[in-house]
N, C-alpha and C. Protein backbone atom coordinates (compact mmCIF):
# COMPACT_ATOMS: atom_id res chain seq x y z
N MET A 1 21.70 3.23 -39.84
CA MET A 1 21.91 3.88 -38.52
C MET A 1 20.23 3.94 -38.00
N LEU A 2 19.82 4.38 -39.12
CA LEU A 2 18.03 4.60 -38.55
C LEU A 2 17.35 2.94 -38.37
N VAL A 3 18.15 2.38 -39.24
CA VAL A 3 17.59 0.73 -39.09
C VAL A 3 17.79 0.65 -37.46
N ARG A 4 19.15 0.57 -37.23
CA ARG A 4 19.71 -0.02 -36.00
C ARG A 4 18.81 0.38 -34.75
N SER A 5 18.71 1.61 -34.64
CA SER A 5 17.95 2.56 -33.80
C SER A 5 16.45 2.37 -33.53
N SER A 6 15.67 1.43 -34.58
CA SER A 6 14.48 1.38 -34.73
C SER A 6 13.60 0.54 -33.33
N GLY A 7 14.63 -0.34 -33.01
CA GLY A 7 14.63 -1.45 -32.24
C GLY A 7 13.89 -0.65 -30.74
N PRO A 8 14.94 -0.03 -30.68
CA PRO A 8 14.36 0.98 -29.03
C PRO A 8 13.53 2.03 -29.31
N LEU A 9 13.51 2.68 -30.56
CA LEU A 9 12.41 3.84 -30.63
C LEU A 9 11.16 2.97 -30.75
N LEU A 10 10.83 1.80 -31.18
CA LEU A 10 9.61 1.39 -31.11
C LEU A 10 9.34 1.05 -29.26
N VAL A 11 10.08 0.44 -28.61
CA VAL A 11 10.36 0.02 -27.54
C VAL A 11 9.38 1.45 -26.66
N GLY A 12 10.10 2.38 -26.82
CA GLY A 12 10.09 3.51 -26.52
C GLY A 12 8.79 4.31 -26.97
N LEU A 13 8.08 4.02 -27.77
CA LEU A 13 6.73 4.16 -28.37
C LEU A 13 5.48 4.01 -27.53
N SER A 14 6.44 2.25 -27.68
CA SER A 14 5.08 1.42 -27.11
C SER A 14 5.03 1.47 -25.15
N ALA A 15 5.87 1.72 -24.39
CA ALA A 15 5.86 1.98 -23.26
C ALA A 15 5.31 3.53 -23.52
N LEU A 16 5.45 4.46 -24.21
CA LEU A 16 4.56 5.94 -24.03
C LEU A 16 3.01 5.29 -24.47
N LEU A 17 2.90 4.59 -24.92
CA LEU A 17 1.35 4.24 -25.54
C LEU A 17 0.66 3.73 -24.61
N LEU A 18 1.45 2.48 -24.25
CA LEU A 18 1.08 2.10 -22.88
C LEU A 18 0.69 2.89 -21.54
N SER A 19 1.75 3.52 -21.12
CA SER A 19 1.46 4.83 -20.26
C SER A 19 -0.10 5.34 -20.19
N ALA A 20 0.35 6.25 -21.68
CA ALA A 20 -1.31 6.93 -21.48
C ALA A 20 -2.31 6.08 -22.06
N TYR A 21 -3.01 4.80 -22.23
CA TYR A 21 -3.56 4.18 -22.30
C TYR A 21 -3.92 3.91 -20.60
N VAL A 22 -3.02 3.53 -19.80
CA VAL A 22 -3.25 3.26 -18.61
C VAL A 22 -3.53 4.50 -17.84
N ILE A 23 -3.48 5.50 -18.03
CA ILE A 23 -3.83 7.17 -17.45
C ILE A 23 -5.26 7.39 -17.79
N ALA A 24 -5.52 6.93 -18.98
CA ALA A 24 -6.91 7.16 -19.78
C ALA A 24 -7.78 5.91 -19.25
N LYS A 25 -7.25 4.73 -18.64
CA LYS A 25 -8.25 3.88 -18.21
C LYS A 25 -8.68 4.23 -16.76
N GLU A 26 -7.47 4.54 -15.87
CA GLU A 26 -7.53 5.42 -14.48
C GLU A 26 -8.35 6.49 -14.38
N LEU A 27 -8.23 7.24 -15.24
CA LEU A 27 -8.78 8.55 -15.16
C LEU A 27 -10.03 8.71 -14.07
N PRO A 28 -11.20 8.01 -14.92
CA PRO A 28 -12.23 8.29 -14.08
C PRO A 28 -12.23 7.63 -12.20
N VAL A 29 -11.16 7.06 -12.34
CA VAL A 29 -10.69 6.95 -10.63
C VAL A 29 -10.44 8.16 -10.14
N LEU A 30 -8.75 8.34 -10.84
CA LEU A 30 -8.12 8.78 -9.97
C LEU A 30 -8.73 10.31 -10.07
N ALA A 31 -10.03 10.77 -10.84
CA ALA A 31 -10.80 12.01 -11.00
C ALA A 31 -11.87 11.89 -9.81
N TYR A 32 -11.89 10.53 -9.03
CA TYR A 32 -13.09 10.78 -8.16
C TYR A 32 -12.97 11.90 -6.97
N GLY A 33 -13.93 12.13 -6.67
CA GLY A 33 -14.23 12.63 -5.35
C GLY A 33 -15.11 14.24 -5.57
N ASP A 34 -15.08 14.97 -4.48
CA ASP A 34 -16.26 16.13 -4.65
C ASP A 34 -16.87 15.80 -5.73
N GLN A 35 -17.34 16.86 -6.75
CA GLN A 35 -18.03 16.94 -7.65
C GLN A 35 -17.86 15.70 -8.42
N GLN A 36 -17.71 14.47 -8.58
CA GLN A 36 -16.88 13.80 -9.65
C GLN A 36 -17.50 12.86 -8.92
N SER A 37 -17.71 12.56 -7.69
CA SER A 37 -18.20 11.34 -6.79
C SER A 37 -19.75 10.47 -6.89
N ILE A 38 -20.91 11.51 -7.84
CA ILE A 38 -21.99 10.63 -8.17
C ILE A 38 -21.52 10.43 -9.94
N ASP A 39 -20.99 11.19 -10.48
CA ASP A 39 -20.07 10.44 -11.64
C ASP A 39 -19.28 8.65 -11.57
N THR A 40 -18.99 8.82 -10.64
CA THR A 40 -18.31 7.88 -10.34
C THR A 40 -18.93 6.67 -9.91
N THR A 41 -20.19 7.05 -8.92
CA THR A 41 -21.09 6.24 -8.96
C THR A 41 -21.70 5.55 -9.81
N VAL A 42 -22.57 6.44 -10.37
CA VAL A 42 -23.47 6.39 -11.79
C VAL A 42 -22.54 4.89 -12.76
N ALA A 43 -21.07 5.34 -12.82
CA ALA A 43 -20.40 4.59 -14.08
C ALA A 43 -20.06 3.36 -13.17
N LEU A 44 -20.16 3.16 -12.09
CA LEU A 44 -19.97 1.58 -11.56
C LEU A 44 -21.17 1.13 -11.60
N VAL A 45 -22.29 1.95 -11.50
CA VAL A 45 -24.10 1.27 -11.23
C VAL A 45 -23.54 0.49 -12.48
N ARG A 46 -23.59 1.41 -13.89
CA ARG A 46 -23.77 0.94 -15.43
C ARG A 46 -22.66 0.04 -15.58
N GLY A 47 -21.56 -0.01 -14.81
CA GLY A 47 -20.43 -1.25 -15.01
C GLY A 47 -19.30 -0.49 -16.01
N ASP A 48 -19.58 0.86 -16.30
CA ASP A 48 -18.46 1.62 -16.80
C ASP A 48 -17.06 1.38 -16.78
N LEU A 49 -17.07 1.54 -15.20
CA LEU A 49 -15.97 1.72 -14.92
C LEU A 49 -15.31 0.04 -14.30
N GLN A 50 -13.83 0.26 -15.05
CA GLN A 50 -13.44 -0.73 -14.59
C GLN A 50 -12.21 -1.32 -13.91
N GLN A 51 -11.28 -1.92 -13.76
CA GLN A 51 -10.30 -1.95 -13.01
C GLN A 51 -9.23 -1.19 -13.05
N ALA A 52 -8.68 -0.65 -12.05
CA ALA A 52 -7.72 0.75 -11.84
C ALA A 52 -6.21 -0.42 -12.38
N PHE A 53 -5.18 -0.04 -13.00
CA PHE A 53 -3.79 -0.95 -13.15
C PHE A 53 -3.19 -0.68 -11.48
N SER A 54 -3.11 0.60 -11.21
CA SER A 54 -1.88 1.10 -10.07
C SER A 54 -2.91 0.51 -8.98
N PHE A 55 -2.07 0.47 -8.14
CA PHE A 55 -2.77 0.07 -6.33
C PHE A 55 -3.09 1.32 -5.97
N TYR A 56 -2.75 2.45 -6.15
CA TYR A 56 -3.26 3.87 -5.83
C TYR A 56 -4.61 3.94 -6.78
N GLY A 57 -4.58 3.36 -7.58
CA GLY A 57 -5.82 3.34 -8.77
C GLY A 57 -7.05 2.65 -7.88
N GLN A 58 -6.55 1.71 -7.51
CA GLN A 58 -7.62 0.60 -7.02
C GLN A 58 -7.95 1.20 -5.65
N LYS A 59 -6.91 1.94 -5.03
CA LYS A 59 -7.38 2.27 -3.48
C LYS A 59 -8.81 3.18 -3.76
N ARG A 60 -8.32 3.90 -4.46
CA ARG A 60 -9.75 5.15 -5.01
C ARG A 60 -10.72 4.57 -5.60
N LEU A 61 -10.54 3.37 -6.25
CA LEU A 61 -11.87 2.47 -6.96
C LEU A 61 -12.24 2.23 -5.44
N MET A 62 -11.83 1.31 -4.28
CA MET A 62 -12.63 0.75 -3.45
C MET A 62 -12.79 2.09 -2.43
N ALA A 63 -12.46 3.33 -2.40
CA ALA A 63 -13.54 4.41 -1.65
C ALA A 63 -14.37 4.85 -2.49
N ALA A 64 -14.51 4.80 -4.07
CA ALA A 64 -15.54 5.22 -4.41
C ALA A 64 -16.96 4.42 -4.63
N CYS A 65 -16.64 2.77 -4.25
CA CYS A 65 -17.53 1.37 -3.59
C CYS A 65 -17.75 2.85 -2.63
N MET A 66 -17.11 2.32 -1.69
CA MET A 66 -17.62 2.54 0.07
C MET A 66 -18.31 3.92 -0.13
N GLN A 67 -18.39 5.29 -0.83
CA GLN A 67 -18.98 6.07 -0.52
C GLN A 67 -20.25 5.95 -1.05
N GLY A 68 -20.24 4.98 -2.44
CA GLY A 68 -21.79 5.03 -2.96
C GLY A 68 -22.23 3.96 -2.32
N MET A 69 -22.21 3.34 -1.30
CA MET A 69 -22.73 2.38 -0.81
C MET A 69 -23.36 2.61 1.03
N THR A 70 -22.37 4.34 1.08
CA THR A 70 -22.92 4.55 2.25
C THR A 70 -23.23 5.83 2.69
N GLY A 71 -23.38 6.76 1.50
CA GLY A 71 -23.38 8.29 1.07
C GLY A 71 -24.95 8.10 0.94
N THR A 72 -25.51 9.73 0.83
CA THR A 72 -26.61 9.86 0.24
C THR A 72 -26.98 9.30 -0.84
N TRP A 73 -26.07 8.92 -1.90
CA TRP A 73 -26.84 8.47 -2.76
C TRP A 73 -27.48 6.81 -2.91
N SER A 74 -26.95 6.08 -1.95
CA SER A 74 -27.75 5.15 -1.51
C SER A 74 -28.84 5.02 -0.48
N ALA A 75 -28.70 6.11 -0.34
CA ALA A 75 -30.27 6.50 0.80
C ALA A 75 -31.28 6.49 -0.41
N LEU A 76 -30.95 7.35 -1.38
CA LEU A 76 -32.14 7.78 -2.60
C LEU A 76 -32.19 6.54 -3.85
N ALA A 77 -31.19 6.02 -3.81
CA ALA A 77 -31.22 5.42 -5.41
C ALA A 77 -32.19 4.32 -5.19
N PRO A 78 -32.81 4.26 -6.38
CA PRO A 78 -33.74 2.84 -6.71
C PRO A 78 -33.02 1.68 -6.17
N PRO A 79 -33.98 0.75 -5.54
CA PRO A 79 -33.00 -0.47 -5.06
C PRO A 79 -31.96 -1.19 -5.97
N GLU A 80 -32.75 -1.29 -7.46
CA GLU A 80 -31.98 -1.88 -8.83
C GLU A 80 -30.76 -1.46 -9.03
N GLN A 81 -30.68 -0.37 -8.55
CA GLN A 81 -29.16 0.32 -8.62
C GLN A 81 -28.68 0.55 -7.82
N ARG A 82 -29.04 0.12 -6.21
CA ARG A 82 -28.07 -0.18 -5.49
C ARG A 82 -27.69 -1.57 -5.66
N LEU A 83 -28.30 -2.34 -5.85
CA LEU A 83 -28.18 -3.77 -6.10
C LEU A 83 -27.09 -4.01 -7.08
N ALA A 84 -27.34 -3.27 -8.43
CA ALA A 84 -26.10 -3.04 -9.37
C ALA A 84 -24.61 -2.44 -8.79
N HIS A 85 -24.54 -1.57 -8.12
CA HIS A 85 -23.44 -1.15 -7.90
C HIS A 85 -22.46 -1.76 -6.73
N ALA A 86 -23.67 -2.30 -5.80
CA ALA A 86 -23.11 -3.34 -5.01
C ALA A 86 -22.66 -4.82 -5.47
N LYS A 87 -22.99 -5.03 -6.51
CA LYS A 87 -22.62 -6.40 -7.38
C LYS A 87 -21.34 -6.18 -8.40
N ASN A 88 -21.40 -4.72 -8.81
CA ASN A 88 -20.19 -4.66 -9.40
C ASN A 88 -18.85 -4.13 -8.69
N CYS A 89 -19.38 -3.51 -7.63
CA CYS A 89 -18.36 -3.06 -6.72
C CYS A 89 -17.62 -4.46 -5.82
N LEU A 90 -18.32 -5.74 -5.37
CA LEU A 90 -17.91 -6.59 -5.26
C LEU A 90 -16.89 -7.33 -5.85
N ASP A 91 -17.23 -7.42 -7.38
CA ASP A 91 -16.83 -7.93 -8.44
C ASP A 91 -15.37 -7.19 -8.32
N ARG A 92 -15.26 -5.87 -8.46
CA ARG A 92 -13.95 -5.41 -8.51
C ARG A 92 -13.37 -5.31 -7.16
N ALA A 93 -13.82 -6.04 -5.86
CA ALA A 93 -13.36 -5.89 -4.62
C ALA A 93 -12.39 -7.84 -4.57
N LEU A 94 -13.30 -8.32 -5.25
CA LEU A 94 -12.85 -9.66 -5.17
C LEU A 94 -11.70 -10.05 -6.30
N SER A 95 -11.72 -8.94 -7.54
CA SER A 95 -10.34 -9.30 -8.43
C SER A 95 -9.61 -8.69 -7.65
N PHE A 96 -9.52 -7.08 -6.97
CA PHE A 96 -8.69 -6.79 -6.75
C PHE A 96 -8.04 -7.88 -5.53
N ALA A 97 -8.56 -8.54 -4.49
CA ALA A 97 -7.88 -9.26 -3.44
C ALA A 97 -7.05 -10.38 -4.05
N GLU A 98 -7.45 -11.02 -5.25
CA GLU A 98 -6.80 -11.97 -5.78
C GLU A 98 -5.36 -11.67 -5.73
N ASP A 99 -5.07 -10.52 -6.22
CA ASP A 99 -3.71 -9.80 -6.09
C ASP A 99 -2.97 -9.29 -4.66
N THR A 100 -3.84 -8.70 -3.86
CA THR A 100 -3.37 -8.36 -2.71
C THR A 100 -4.66 -8.70 -1.78
N PRO A 101 -4.44 -9.80 -1.18
CA PRO A 101 -5.43 -10.13 -0.17
C PRO A 101 -5.10 -9.60 1.42
N VAL A 102 -4.00 -9.13 1.22
CA VAL A 102 -4.08 -8.15 2.67
C VAL A 102 -4.44 -6.88 2.76
N GLU A 103 -5.06 -6.42 2.00
CA GLU A 103 -5.58 -4.59 1.78
C GLU A 103 -7.17 -4.62 2.52
N ALA A 104 -6.83 -4.40 3.81
CA ALA A 104 -8.21 -4.16 4.77
C ALA A 104 -9.84 -3.44 3.94
N LEU A 105 -9.32 -2.29 3.50
CA LEU A 105 -10.17 -1.59 2.28
C LEU A 105 -10.77 -2.66 1.24
N THR A 106 -10.24 -3.30 0.81
CA THR A 106 -10.73 -3.60 -0.06
C THR A 106 -11.86 -4.66 0.58
N TRP A 107 -11.46 -5.90 1.40
CA TRP A 107 -12.44 -6.97 2.16
C TRP A 107 -13.50 -6.51 3.10
N THR A 108 -13.65 -4.55 3.43
CA THR A 108 -14.42 -3.83 3.91
C THR A 108 -15.39 -3.28 2.92
N VAL A 109 -15.25 -3.35 1.62
CA VAL A 109 -15.76 -3.05 0.26
C VAL A 109 -16.72 -4.56 -0.15
N ALA A 110 -15.98 -5.32 0.12
CA ALA A 110 -16.71 -6.90 -0.26
C ALA A 110 -17.67 -7.32 1.25
N SER A 111 -17.52 -6.78 2.08
CA SER A 111 -18.65 -6.81 2.83
C SER A 111 -19.67 -6.48 2.77
N ARG A 112 -19.27 -5.21 2.99
CA ARG A 112 -20.34 -4.31 2.48
C ARG A 112 -21.18 -4.52 1.68
N ALA A 113 -20.34 -4.87 0.25
CA ALA A 113 -21.77 -5.33 -0.82
C ALA A 113 -21.99 -6.28 -0.66
N SER A 114 -21.75 -7.46 0.28
CA SER A 114 -22.14 -8.63 0.18
C SER A 114 -23.38 -8.22 1.50
N LEU A 115 -23.67 -7.54 2.24
CA LEU A 115 -24.26 -6.83 3.30
C LEU A 115 -26.10 -6.24 2.57
N VAL A 116 -25.33 -5.37 1.27
CA VAL A 116 -26.58 -5.05 0.45
C VAL A 116 -26.99 -5.89 -0.56
N ILE A 117 -26.31 -7.09 -1.16
CA ILE A 117 -26.68 -8.15 -1.37
C ILE A 117 -27.97 -9.25 -0.65
N GLY A 118 -27.67 -9.30 0.20
CA GLY A 118 -27.99 -9.90 1.04
C GLY A 118 -27.43 -11.26 1.46
N ASP A 119 -26.26 -11.39 1.12
CA ASP A 119 -25.44 -12.26 1.39
C ASP A 119 -24.39 -12.35 3.05
N ILE A 120 -25.56 -12.71 4.10
CA ILE A 120 -24.88 -12.64 5.01
C ILE A 120 -23.88 -13.39 5.35
N GLU A 121 -24.10 -14.98 5.05
CA GLU A 121 -22.42 -15.66 5.03
C GLU A 121 -21.34 -14.82 4.62
N ALA A 122 -21.36 -14.04 3.31
CA ALA A 122 -20.14 -14.11 2.60
C ALA A 122 -20.04 -12.53 3.44
N MET A 123 -20.83 -11.36 3.84
CA MET A 123 -20.69 -10.65 4.78
C MET A 123 -19.33 -10.76 6.00
N ASN A 124 -20.21 -11.94 7.02
CA ASN A 124 -19.18 -12.23 7.64
C ASN A 124 -17.96 -12.85 7.55
N ARG A 125 -17.74 -13.67 6.31
CA ARG A 125 -16.40 -14.11 5.76
C ARG A 125 -15.53 -12.85 5.44
N TYR A 126 -16.07 -11.95 4.86
CA TYR A 126 -15.21 -10.81 4.39
C TYR A 126 -14.47 -9.62 5.33
N LEU A 127 -15.76 -9.91 6.49
CA LEU A 127 -15.63 -8.79 7.23
C LEU A 127 -14.38 -9.02 8.09
N ASP A 128 -14.57 -10.50 8.41
CA ASP A 128 -13.57 -11.52 9.20
C ASP A 128 -12.04 -11.13 8.63
N TYR A 129 -12.27 -11.36 7.29
CA TYR A 129 -11.05 -10.91 6.60
C TYR A 129 -10.43 -9.86 6.29
N ALA A 130 -11.16 -8.85 6.41
CA ALA A 130 -10.85 -7.08 7.19
C ALA A 130 -10.30 -7.39 8.08
N TRP A 131 -10.59 -7.48 9.66
CA TRP A 131 -10.65 -7.60 10.40
C TRP A 131 -9.09 -8.12 10.37
N ARG A 132 -8.49 -9.28 10.10
CA ARG A 132 -7.57 -9.57 9.58
C ARG A 132 -6.39 -9.09 9.15
N ALA A 133 -6.36 -8.88 8.09
CA ALA A 133 -6.12 -7.51 7.35
C ALA A 133 -5.26 -6.50 7.89
N GLY A 134 -6.14 -5.95 8.43
CA GLY A 134 -5.84 -4.24 9.46
C GLY A 134 -6.56 -4.02 10.67
N PRO A 135 -5.99 -5.09 11.82
CA PRO A 135 -6.56 -4.87 13.21
C PRO A 135 -6.44 -3.66 13.36
N ASN A 136 -5.67 -2.91 13.40
CA ASN A 136 -5.11 -1.54 13.83
C ASN A 136 -5.05 -0.35 13.22
N GLU A 137 -5.86 -0.73 11.93
CA GLU A 137 -6.00 0.76 11.00
C GLU A 137 -7.02 0.79 11.49
N GLN A 138 -7.12 2.69 12.35
CA GLN A 138 -8.21 3.05 12.75
C GLN A 138 -9.51 3.50 11.85
N TRP A 139 -9.02 3.89 10.99
CA TRP A 139 -10.25 4.77 9.76
C TRP A 139 -10.96 3.40 9.11
N ILE A 140 -10.36 2.32 9.35
CA ILE A 140 -11.04 1.05 8.05
C ILE A 140 -11.84 0.70 9.41
N ALA A 141 -11.18 0.44 10.78
CA ALA A 141 -11.84 -0.02 12.05
C ALA A 141 -13.28 0.63 12.13
N GLY A 142 -13.17 2.23 11.35
CA GLY A 142 -14.39 2.95 11.83
C GLY A 142 -15.38 2.54 10.87
N LEU A 143 -15.12 2.06 9.66
CA LEU A 143 -15.55 1.50 8.58
C LEU A 143 -16.18 0.20 9.21
N ARG A 144 -15.40 -0.72 9.56
CA ARG A 144 -15.78 -1.86 10.03
C ARG A 144 -17.38 -1.80 11.38
N VAL A 145 -17.46 -0.83 12.07
CA VAL A 145 -17.66 -0.67 13.35
C VAL A 145 -19.49 -0.10 12.71
N ASN A 146 -19.43 0.71 11.51
CA ASN A 146 -20.56 1.22 10.98
C ASN A 146 -21.18 -0.32 10.28
N LEU A 147 -20.28 -0.93 9.86
CA LEU A 147 -20.87 -1.88 9.13
C LEU A 147 -21.48 -3.14 9.80
N ALA A 148 -20.86 -3.52 11.19
CA ALA A 148 -21.38 -4.09 11.79
C ALA A 148 -22.17 -3.72 12.76
N GLN A 149 -22.50 -2.68 13.12
CA GLN A 149 -23.63 -2.03 13.48
C GLN A 149 -24.64 -2.57 12.94
N GLU A 150 -24.80 -2.12 11.50
CA GLU A 150 -26.36 -2.00 10.64
C GLU A 150 -26.58 -3.68 11.11
N ALA A 151 -25.24 -4.83 10.97
CA ALA A 151 -25.60 -6.04 10.77
C ALA A 151 -25.68 -6.75 11.89
N VAL A 152 -25.60 -6.25 13.31
CA VAL A 152 -25.06 -6.55 14.26
C VAL A 152 -25.75 -7.81 15.04
N GLY A 153 -27.04 -7.93 14.32
CA GLY A 153 -27.81 -8.98 14.44
C GLY A 153 -27.22 -10.38 13.68
N SER A 154 -26.82 -10.24 12.98
CA SER A 154 -26.51 -11.10 12.01
C SER A 154 -25.15 -11.47 11.82
N LEU A 155 -24.20 -10.61 12.92
CA LEU A 155 -22.42 -11.33 12.67
C LEU A 155 -22.53 -12.61 13.72
N SER A 156 -21.26 -13.19 13.10
CA SER A 156 -21.07 -14.46 13.68
C SER A 156 -20.52 -14.29 14.94
N ALA A 157 -19.68 -15.34 15.46
CA ALA A 157 -19.17 -15.00 16.78
C ALA A 157 -17.86 -14.20 16.72
N SER A 158 -16.96 -14.66 15.53
CA SER A 158 -15.64 -14.13 15.51
C SER A 158 -16.15 -12.54 15.12
N ASN A 159 -16.75 -12.20 14.68
CA ASN A 159 -17.03 -10.81 14.41
C ASN A 159 -17.87 -10.04 15.23
N GLN A 160 -18.84 -11.05 16.13
CA GLN A 160 -18.96 -9.87 17.36
C GLN A 160 -17.27 -9.66 18.03
N ARG A 161 -16.70 -10.83 18.85
CA ARG A 161 -15.47 -10.74 19.32
C ARG A 161 -14.47 -9.01 18.04
N ASN A 162 -14.43 -9.60 16.89
CA ASN A 162 -13.51 -8.22 16.18
C ASN A 162 -14.59 -6.77 16.30
N LEU A 163 -15.65 -6.90 16.62
CA LEU A 163 -16.39 -5.14 17.03
C LEU A 163 -16.02 -5.02 17.96
N ASP A 164 -15.96 -5.67 19.11
CA ASP A 164 -15.21 -5.41 20.49
C ASP A 164 -13.77 -4.40 20.43
N LEU A 165 -12.88 -5.09 19.33
CA LEU A 165 -11.65 -5.00 19.32
C LEU A 165 -11.79 -3.96 18.54
N ASP A 166 -12.41 -3.96 17.34
CA ASP A 166 -12.37 -2.32 16.42
C ASP A 166 -13.00 -1.17 17.50
N LEU A 167 -13.81 -1.18 18.34
CA LEU A 167 -14.23 -0.47 19.60
C LEU A 167 -13.35 0.55 20.63
N ALA A 168 -12.36 -0.83 20.56
CA ALA A 168 -11.00 -0.42 21.67
C ALA A 168 -10.02 0.29 21.03
N VAL A 169 -9.70 0.27 19.60
CA VAL A 169 -9.20 0.91 18.46
C VAL A 169 -9.35 1.97 18.37
N MET A 170 -10.89 2.02 18.30
CA MET A 170 -11.10 3.95 18.08
C MET A 170 -11.25 4.43 19.09
N VAL A 171 -11.70 4.25 20.52
CA VAL A 171 -11.75 4.73 21.50
C VAL A 171 -10.05 4.88 22.14
N MET A 172 -9.05 4.86 21.20
CA MET A 172 -7.74 5.35 21.92
C MET A 172 -7.64 6.30 21.36
N SER A 173 -8.61 6.99 20.36
CA SER A 173 -8.12 8.26 19.53
C SER A 173 -9.37 9.38 19.65
N ARG A 174 -9.29 10.47 19.43
CA ARG A 174 -9.98 11.50 19.70
C ARG A 174 -10.94 11.29 18.68
N LYS A 175 -9.98 11.33 17.67
CA LYS A 175 -10.72 11.19 16.23
C LYS A 175 -12.39 10.12 16.23
N GLY A 176 -11.45 9.02 17.11
CA GLY A 176 -12.28 7.37 16.63
C GLY A 176 -13.61 7.91 17.82
N ILE A 177 -13.38 8.54 18.71
CA ILE A 177 -14.16 9.02 20.15
C ILE A 177 -14.95 9.63 19.18
N SER A 178 -15.08 11.02 18.50
CA SER A 178 -15.52 11.53 17.83
C SER A 178 -16.65 10.85 17.14
N ALA A 179 -15.49 10.19 16.28
CA ALA A 179 -17.06 9.48 15.83
C ALA A 179 -18.05 8.55 15.52
N ILE A 180 -17.93 7.91 17.13
CA ILE A 180 -18.80 7.06 17.85
C ILE A 180 -19.66 7.85 18.62
N ALA A 181 -19.50 9.25 18.91
CA ALA A 181 -19.89 10.16 20.29
C ALA A 181 -21.41 10.04 20.04
N ASN A 182 -22.08 10.31 18.92
CA ASN A 182 -23.32 10.35 18.24
C ASN A 182 -24.37 9.18 18.61
N ARG A 183 -23.60 8.09 18.20
CA ARG A 183 -24.46 7.08 18.36
C ARG A 183 -24.00 6.43 19.93
N TYR A 184 -23.01 6.90 20.66
CA TYR A 184 -22.81 6.97 22.06
C TYR A 184 -24.71 7.30 23.04
N TRP A 185 -24.39 8.15 22.44
CA TRP A 185 -26.22 8.93 23.12
C TRP A 185 -27.35 8.71 22.51
N SER A 186 -26.89 8.05 21.48
CA SER A 186 -28.59 7.56 20.74
C SER A 186 -28.95 6.54 20.68
N ASP A 187 -27.95 5.50 20.84
CA ASP A 187 -28.36 3.99 20.64
C ASP A 187 -27.80 3.17 22.04
N GLU A 188 -28.74 3.27 22.98
CA GLU A 188 -28.78 2.04 24.57
C GLU A 188 -28.15 0.92 24.36
N ILE A 189 -28.15 0.11 23.50
CA ILE A 189 -27.42 -1.06 23.28
C ILE A 189 -25.56 -0.78 22.94
N PHE A 190 -25.68 0.15 21.88
CA PHE A 190 -24.65 0.25 21.78
C PHE A 190 -23.61 1.04 22.58
N ARG A 191 -24.09 1.95 23.33
CA ARG A 191 -23.96 2.69 24.31
C ARG A 191 -23.73 1.35 25.79
N GLU A 192 -24.28 0.56 25.66
CA GLU A 192 -23.97 -0.54 27.08
C GLU A 192 -22.56 -1.05 26.53
N ARG A 193 -22.55 -1.77 25.17
CA ARG A 193 -21.34 -2.26 24.74
C ARG A 193 -19.89 -1.26 24.91
N ILE A 194 -19.68 -0.39 24.41
CA ILE A 194 -18.81 0.47 24.17
C ILE A 194 -18.55 0.72 25.94
N THR A 195 -19.23 1.01 26.76
CA THR A 195 -19.36 1.20 28.15
C THR A 195 -18.54 -0.08 28.78
N ARG A 196 -18.93 -1.46 28.32
CA ARG A 196 -18.32 -2.78 29.22
C ARG A 196 -16.79 -2.57 28.69
N ILE A 197 -17.06 -2.16 27.10
CA ILE A 197 -15.39 -2.04 26.76
C ILE A 197 -14.26 -1.21 27.51
N VAL A 198 -14.46 0.08 27.58
CA VAL A 198 -14.09 1.18 28.07
C VAL A 198 -13.93 0.90 29.74
N GLU A 199 -14.44 0.26 30.24
CA GLU A 199 -14.28 -0.17 31.41
C GLU A 199 -13.56 -1.16 31.90
N GLU A 200 -12.95 -1.95 30.89
CA GLU A 200 -11.94 -2.94 30.82
C GLU A 200 -10.60 -2.19 30.35
N MET A 201 -10.43 -0.88 30.67
CA MET A 201 -9.02 -0.15 30.13
C MET A 201 -8.62 0.57 31.51
N PRO A 202 -7.44 1.19 31.43
CA PRO A 202 -6.93 1.82 32.55
C PRO A 202 -7.53 3.22 32.51
N ALA A 203 -7.29 3.31 34.01
CA ALA A 203 -8.89 4.42 34.91
C ALA A 203 -7.98 5.75 33.99
N GLU A 204 -7.12 6.11 33.33
CA GLU A 204 -6.61 7.22 32.92
C GLU A 204 -7.32 7.24 31.50
N ASP A 205 -7.33 6.28 30.56
CA ASP A 205 -8.10 6.24 29.10
C ASP A 205 -9.77 5.60 29.25
N GLN A 206 -9.72 5.40 30.52
CA GLN A 206 -11.60 6.18 30.92
C GLN A 206 -12.12 7.58 30.92
N ARG A 207 -10.98 8.04 31.74
CA ARG A 207 -11.38 9.28 31.95
C ARG A 207 -11.41 10.37 30.70
N ARG A 208 -10.18 9.71 29.78
CA ARG A 208 -9.87 10.52 28.69
C ARG A 208 -11.14 10.29 27.68
N PHE A 209 -11.62 8.76 28.02
CA PHE A 209 -12.97 8.71 26.76
C PHE A 209 -13.84 9.47 27.30
N VAL A 210 -14.14 9.53 28.56
CA VAL A 210 -15.20 10.43 29.20
C VAL A 210 -15.52 11.99 28.58
N ARG A 211 -14.19 12.56 28.82
CA ARG A 211 -14.27 13.77 28.59
C ARG A 211 -13.81 13.87 27.02
N SER A 212 -13.61 13.20 26.28
CA SER A 212 -13.89 13.44 25.00
C SER A 212 -15.21 13.36 24.29
N VAL A 213 -16.33 12.26 24.96
CA VAL A 213 -16.96 12.21 24.55
C VAL A 213 -17.95 13.28 24.50
N ARG A 214 -18.08 14.09 26.23
CA ARG A 214 -19.00 15.24 26.21
C ARG A 214 -18.62 15.84 25.33
N ARG A 215 -16.90 16.34 25.26
CA ARG A 215 -16.65 17.08 24.24
C ARG A 215 -17.26 17.49 23.15
N ALA A 216 -16.88 16.19 21.94
CA ALA A 216 -17.47 15.69 20.85
C ALA A 216 -18.87 16.17 21.06
N THR A 217 -19.65 15.66 21.96
CA THR A 217 -21.13 15.75 21.96
C THR A 217 -21.54 17.33 21.92
N VAL A 218 -20.32 18.12 22.69
CA VAL A 218 -20.90 19.87 22.97
C VAL A 218 -20.82 20.55 21.56
N ASN A 219 -19.41 19.69 20.69
CA ASN A 219 -19.31 20.66 19.66
C ASN A 219 -20.09 19.89 18.53
C-alpha cells in the first residue's frame, strides 16, 4: 500500500518544492515598493534580480525597472550604474516580450531603457510597439508621454503621431490632465502642442480641459 501511494506523494512533494522555489525566486520582485524600491533597483544593477515566473511578478519587475529609470535614484546614480540598470532591464523586458508581446508596459520599459543606453532606433521601435499594444491605457500613455517629451527631437514620424494620440487620451481624464498641468505652464512648446490637440476636440471637452488645468495648477 505504501509503495502504491509513493508516486502521488512524490508528485505532491515535487509540486510543493516547485511552488516554494518559485516563491523564493519571485519574492524580491513581489516585495518591490516603498522601502524596498532602492534595494530592488540595486539588485537590478548587479544583475541579481532574475526573471519572474508569474505574469504579476513580471509586471512588478517592469514597474521596478521603470521606477529605477525615472525616479530619484536615476538622477543621482553614477552613469555606469544607470547604464547597467538599463541594460539589465532591457534584457528582462525583451525576454518577457517573447512570451507576452502585447504587454504595453514591457515595451515602454524597453523603449525607456534603450533611450538610457543611447540606442535611438530601438527606442523608437519599442515605443511604437508600446503604443500598438495599449493605445488606450491612460497610465501607460502617461509613461509614454514622459518618455516621448524627453526624446521629442529624436522621435520618428509615427511616434510623433502617437504622442499626439497619447496626449488626447490623457486629456480625457482629470488624472491625466493633472499629470500634464505642470508641463503645460512650464514648457511653451508642449503647451502649443497640447493646445492644438485640445482645439480639435468638442467644445465641452475644451472647457473641461481649461477648468481642470486651472484647478490642477491651484492645487
